[in-house]
Amino acid sequence: MSCREHYSILLLKRIKAKKKLKKLEKMRAETARLANLAERRHRRMVEAREAIRPLILAAASLNAQANQFISAWLDRNDCL
């Protein structure tokens, strides 16, 4: 092989390597974007869970109070 052929082969390999590197950089950027998206969604879910938890506890407490009221009313009125 002549020097020109070797040089052409090296140039082609370099171009291929650059294309591959660009592709990997795009994949890395997309992976980072998806990871950030997943992190934000997870954070929102945790925040929503934290906001809903007191409401669930309050509803359970109101349910218990309603059961006590109904039981007391039934006892007072001899309905059982």
N, C-alpha and C. Protein backbone atom coordinates (compact mmCIF):
# COMPACT_ATOMS: atom_id res chain seq x y z
N MET A 1 0.84 -1.18 0.00
CA MET A 1 0.00 0.00 0.00
C MET A 1 0.88 1.24 0.00
N SER A 2 0.38 2.20 -0.68
CA SER A 2 1.14 3.45 -0.74
C SER A 2 0.80 4.31 0.48
N CYS A 3 1.59 5.34 0.65
CA CYS A 3 1.36 6.28 1.76
C CYS A 3 -0.01 6.94 1.64
N ARG A 4 -0.39 7.23 0.41
CA ARG A 4 -1.69 7.86 0.18
C ARG A 4 -2.83 6.94 0.61
N GLU A 5 -2.73 5.70 0.30
CA GLU A 5 -3.76 4.73 0.69
C GLU A 5 -3.83 4.60 2.21
N HIS A 6 -2.68 4.53 2.86
CA HIS A 6 -2.65 4.47 4.33
C HIS A 6 -3.29 5.72 4.92
N TYR A 7 -2.94 6.86 4.36
CA TYR A 7 -3.48 8.13 4.85
C TYR A 7 -5.00 8.17 4.65
N SER A 8 -5.47 7.70 3.51
CA SER A 8 -6.91 7.67 3.24
C SER A 8 -7.63 6.76 4.23
N ILE A 9 -7.03 5.62 4.49
CA ILE A 9 -7.62 4.68 5.46
C ILE A 9 -7.66 5.32 6.84
N LEU A 10 -6.58 5.99 7.24
CA LEU A 10 -6.55 6.65 8.54
C LEU A 10 -7.61 7.76 8.62
N LEU A 11 -7.76 8.52 7.55
CA LEU A 11 -8.78 9.56 7.53
C LEU A 11 -10.18 8.97 7.67
N LEU A 12 -10.44 7.89 6.95
CA LEU A 12 -11.75 7.23 7.04
C LEU A 12 -12.01 6.72 8.45
N LYS A 13 -10.98 6.13 9.07
CA LYS A 13 -11.13 5.64 10.44
C LYS A 13 -11.39 6.79 11.40
N ARG A 14 -10.70 7.90 11.19
CA ARG A 14 -10.88 9.07 12.06
C ARG A 14 -12.30 9.63 11.91
N ILE A 15 -12.78 9.70 10.66
CA ILE A 15 -14.14 10.18 10.41
C ILE A 15 -15.16 9.26 11.07
N LYS A 16 -14.95 7.95 10.94
CA LYS A 16 -15.83 6.97 11.57
C LYS A 16 -15.84 7.13 13.08
N ALA A 17 -14.64 7.31 13.64
CA ALA A 17 -14.52 7.46 15.09
C ALA A 17 -15.23 8.73 15.56
N LYS A 18 -15.11 9.82 14.80
CA LYS A 18 -15.78 11.07 15.17
C LYS A 18 -17.30 10.90 15.12
N LYS A 19 -17.79 10.21 14.09
CA LYS A 19 -19.23 9.96 13.99
C LYS A 19 -19.72 9.13 15.17
N LYS A 20 -18.93 8.11 15.51
CA LYS A 20 -19.30 7.25 16.62
C LYS A 20 -19.30 8.04 17.93
N LEU A 21 -18.31 8.91 18.09
CA LEU A 21 -18.23 9.74 19.29
C LEU A 21 -19.42 10.68 19.38
N LYS A 22 -19.80 11.29 18.26
CA LYS A 22 -20.98 12.17 18.26
C LYS A 22 -22.23 11.39 18.64
N LYS A 23 -22.35 10.18 18.10
CA LYS A 23 -23.51 9.35 18.42
C LYS A 23 -23.53 9.02 19.91
N LEU A 24 -22.37 8.68 20.47
CA LEU A 24 -22.29 8.38 21.90
C LEU A 24 -22.62 9.61 22.74
N GLU A 25 -22.16 10.78 22.30
CA GLU A 25 -22.47 12.01 23.03
C GLU A 25 -23.97 12.29 23.03
N LYS A 26 -24.62 12.07 21.88
CA LYS A 26 -26.07 12.24 21.80
C LYS A 26 -26.78 11.26 22.73
N MET A 27 -26.31 10.02 22.74
CA MET A 27 -26.92 9.01 23.61
C MET A 27 -26.73 9.38 25.07
N ARG A 28 -25.55 9.87 25.42
CA ARG A 28 -25.27 10.27 26.79
C ARG A 28 -26.18 11.44 27.20
N ALA A 29 -26.34 12.40 26.30
CA ALA A 29 -27.21 13.55 26.58
C ALA A 29 -28.66 13.10 26.75
N GLU A 30 -29.12 12.18 25.91
CA GLU A 30 -30.49 11.68 26.02
C GLU A 30 -30.67 10.89 27.32
N THR A 31 -29.68 10.12 27.69
CA THR A 31 -29.75 9.37 28.94
C THR A 31 -29.82 10.33 30.13
N ALA A 32 -29.02 11.38 30.10
CA ALA A 32 -29.05 12.38 31.18
C ALA A 32 -30.41 13.07 31.22
N ARG A 33 -30.97 13.39 30.06
CA ARG A 33 -32.28 14.04 30.01
C ARG A 33 -33.36 13.14 30.60
N LEU A 34 -33.33 11.87 30.23
CA LEU A 34 -34.32 10.93 30.76
C LEU A 34 -34.15 10.70 32.25
N ALA A 35 -32.90 10.66 32.72
CA ALA A 35 -32.65 10.49 34.15
C ALA A 35 -33.18 11.70 34.92
N ASN A 36 -32.97 12.90 34.39
CA ASN A 36 -33.49 14.10 35.05
C ASN A 36 -35.00 14.11 35.06
N LEU A 37 -35.60 13.69 33.96
CA LEU A 37 -37.05 13.62 33.88
C LEU A 37 -37.60 12.64 34.92
N ALA A 38 -36.97 11.48 35.03
CA ALA A 38 -37.40 10.48 36.01
C ALA A 38 -37.24 11.01 37.43
N GLU A 39 -36.15 11.71 37.69
CA GLU A 39 -35.91 12.28 39.03
C GLU A 39 -36.98 13.31 39.37
N ARG A 40 -37.32 14.18 38.41
CA ARG A 40 -38.35 15.20 38.67
C ARG A 40 -39.70 14.55 38.92
N ARG A 41 -40.04 13.54 38.13
CA ARG A 41 -41.32 12.86 38.33
C ARG A 41 -41.37 12.14 39.67
N HIS A 42 -40.26 11.51 40.04
CA HIS A 42 -40.20 10.84 41.34
C HIS A 42 -40.39 11.85 42.46
N ARG A 43 -39.72 13.00 42.34
CA ARG A 43 -39.83 14.04 43.37
C ARG A 43 -41.27 14.52 43.49
N ARG A 44 -41.95 14.71 42.34
CA ARG A 44 -43.35 15.13 42.36
C ARG A 44 -44.24 14.09 43.02
N MET A 45 -43.97 12.81 42.75
CA MET A 45 -44.76 11.75 43.38
C MET A 45 -44.57 11.75 44.89
N VAL A 46 -43.33 11.93 45.33
CA VAL A 46 -43.05 11.96 46.77
C VAL A 46 -43.76 13.15 47.40
N GLU A 47 -43.70 14.32 46.75
CA GLU A 47 -44.38 15.51 47.27
C GLU A 47 -45.88 15.29 47.35
N ALA A 48 -46.45 14.67 46.32
CA ALA A 48 -47.89 14.40 46.32
C ALA A 48 -48.25 13.44 47.45
N ARG A 49 -47.43 12.41 47.64
CA ARG A 49 -47.68 11.45 48.71
C ARG A 49 -47.63 12.14 50.07
N GLU A 50 -46.65 13.03 50.24
CA GLU A 50 -46.53 13.76 51.50
C GLU A 50 -47.73 14.68 51.72
N ALA A 51 -48.27 15.26 50.64
CA ALA A 51 -49.42 16.14 50.76
C ALA A 51 -50.70 15.35 51.05
N ILE A 52 -50.82 14.16 50.50
CA ILE A 52 -52.03 13.35 50.65
C ILE A 52 -52.09 12.64 51.99
N ARG A 53 -50.95 12.27 52.53
CA ARG A 53 -50.91 11.50 53.78
C ARG A 53 -51.70 12.15 54.92
N PRO A 54 -51.52 13.45 55.20
CA PRO A 54 -52.33 14.05 56.28
C PRO A 54 -53.83 13.99 55.98
N LEU A 55 -54.20 14.10 54.72
CA LEU A 55 -55.62 14.02 54.36
C LEU A 55 -56.17 12.62 54.62
N ILE A 56 -55.39 11.62 54.33
CA ILE A 56 -55.82 10.24 54.59
C ILE A 56 -55.97 10.01 56.09
N LEU A 57 -55.00 10.51 56.87
CA LEU A 57 -55.08 10.37 58.32
C LEU A 57 -56.29 11.11 58.88
N ALA A 58 -56.56 12.31 58.35
CA ALA A 58 -57.73 13.07 58.81
C ALA A 58 -59.02 12.34 58.46
N ALA A 59 -59.08 11.75 57.27
CA ALA A 59 -60.27 11.00 56.87
C ALA A 59 -60.47 9.79 57.77
N ALA A 60 -59.39 9.11 58.11
CA ALA A 60 -59.49 7.95 59.01
C ALA A 60 -59.97 8.38 60.38
N SER A 61 -59.48 9.52 60.85
CA SER A 61 -59.90 10.03 62.16
C SER A 61 -61.39 10.40 62.13
N LEU A 62 -61.82 11.06 61.06
CA LEU A 62 -63.24 11.41 60.94
C LEU A 62 -64.11 10.16 60.85
N ASN A 63 -63.63 9.15 60.18
CA ASN A 63 -64.36 7.89 60.07
C ASN A 63 -64.51 7.26 61.45
N ALA A 64 -63.43 7.27 62.23
CA ALA A 64 -63.49 6.71 63.58
C ALA A 64 -64.46 7.51 64.45
N GLN A 65 -64.42 8.83 64.33
CA GLN A 65 -65.34 9.67 65.11
C GLN A 65 -66.79 9.41 64.72
N ALA A 66 -67.03 9.25 63.42
CA ALA A 66 -68.39 8.97 62.95
C ALA A 66 -68.86 7.62 63.49
N ASN A 67 -67.99 6.62 63.49
CA ASN A 67 -68.35 5.31 64.04
C ASN A 67 -68.68 5.41 65.53
N GLN A 68 -67.89 6.17 66.27
CA GLN A 68 -68.16 6.35 67.70
C GLN A 68 -69.50 7.06 67.91
N PHE A 69 -69.77 8.08 67.11
CA PHE A 69 -71.02 8.82 67.22
C PHE A 69 -72.21 7.90 66.93
N ILE A 70 -72.10 7.11 65.87
CA ILE A 70 -73.19 6.21 65.51
C ILE A 70 -73.40 5.16 66.60
N SER A 71 -72.30 4.61 67.12
CA SER A 71 -72.42 3.61 68.19
C SER A 71 -73.06 4.22 69.43
N ALA A 72 -72.65 5.43 69.81
CA ALA A 72 -73.23 6.10 70.98
C ALA A 72 -74.71 6.38 70.75
N TRP A 73 -75.07 6.82 69.55
CA TRP A 73 -76.46 7.13 69.25
C TRP A 73 -77.31 5.86 69.31
N LEU A 74 -76.77 4.76 68.75
CA LEU A 74 -77.50 3.50 68.78
C LEU A 74 -77.67 3.00 70.21
N ASP A 75 -76.61 3.14 71.03
CA ASP A 75 -76.70 2.72 72.43
C ASP A 75 -77.75 3.54 73.18
N ARG A 76 -77.77 4.85 72.93
CA ARG A 76 -78.70 5.73 73.62
C ARG A 76 -80.15 5.44 73.22
N ASN A 77 -80.33 5.05 72.01
CA ASN A 77 -81.68 4.83 71.51
C ASN A 77 -82.07 3.36 71.51
N ASP A 78 -81.28 2.53 72.13
CA ASP A 78 -81.57 1.09 72.25
C ASP A 78 -81.93 0.45 70.91
N CYS A 79 -81.13 0.76 69.93
CA CYS A 79 -81.41 0.23 68.59
C CYS A 79 -80.71 -1.10 68.33
N LEU A 80 -79.87 -1.55 69.24
CA LEU A 80 -79.20 -2.82 69.00
C LEU A 80 -79.81 -3.93 69.77
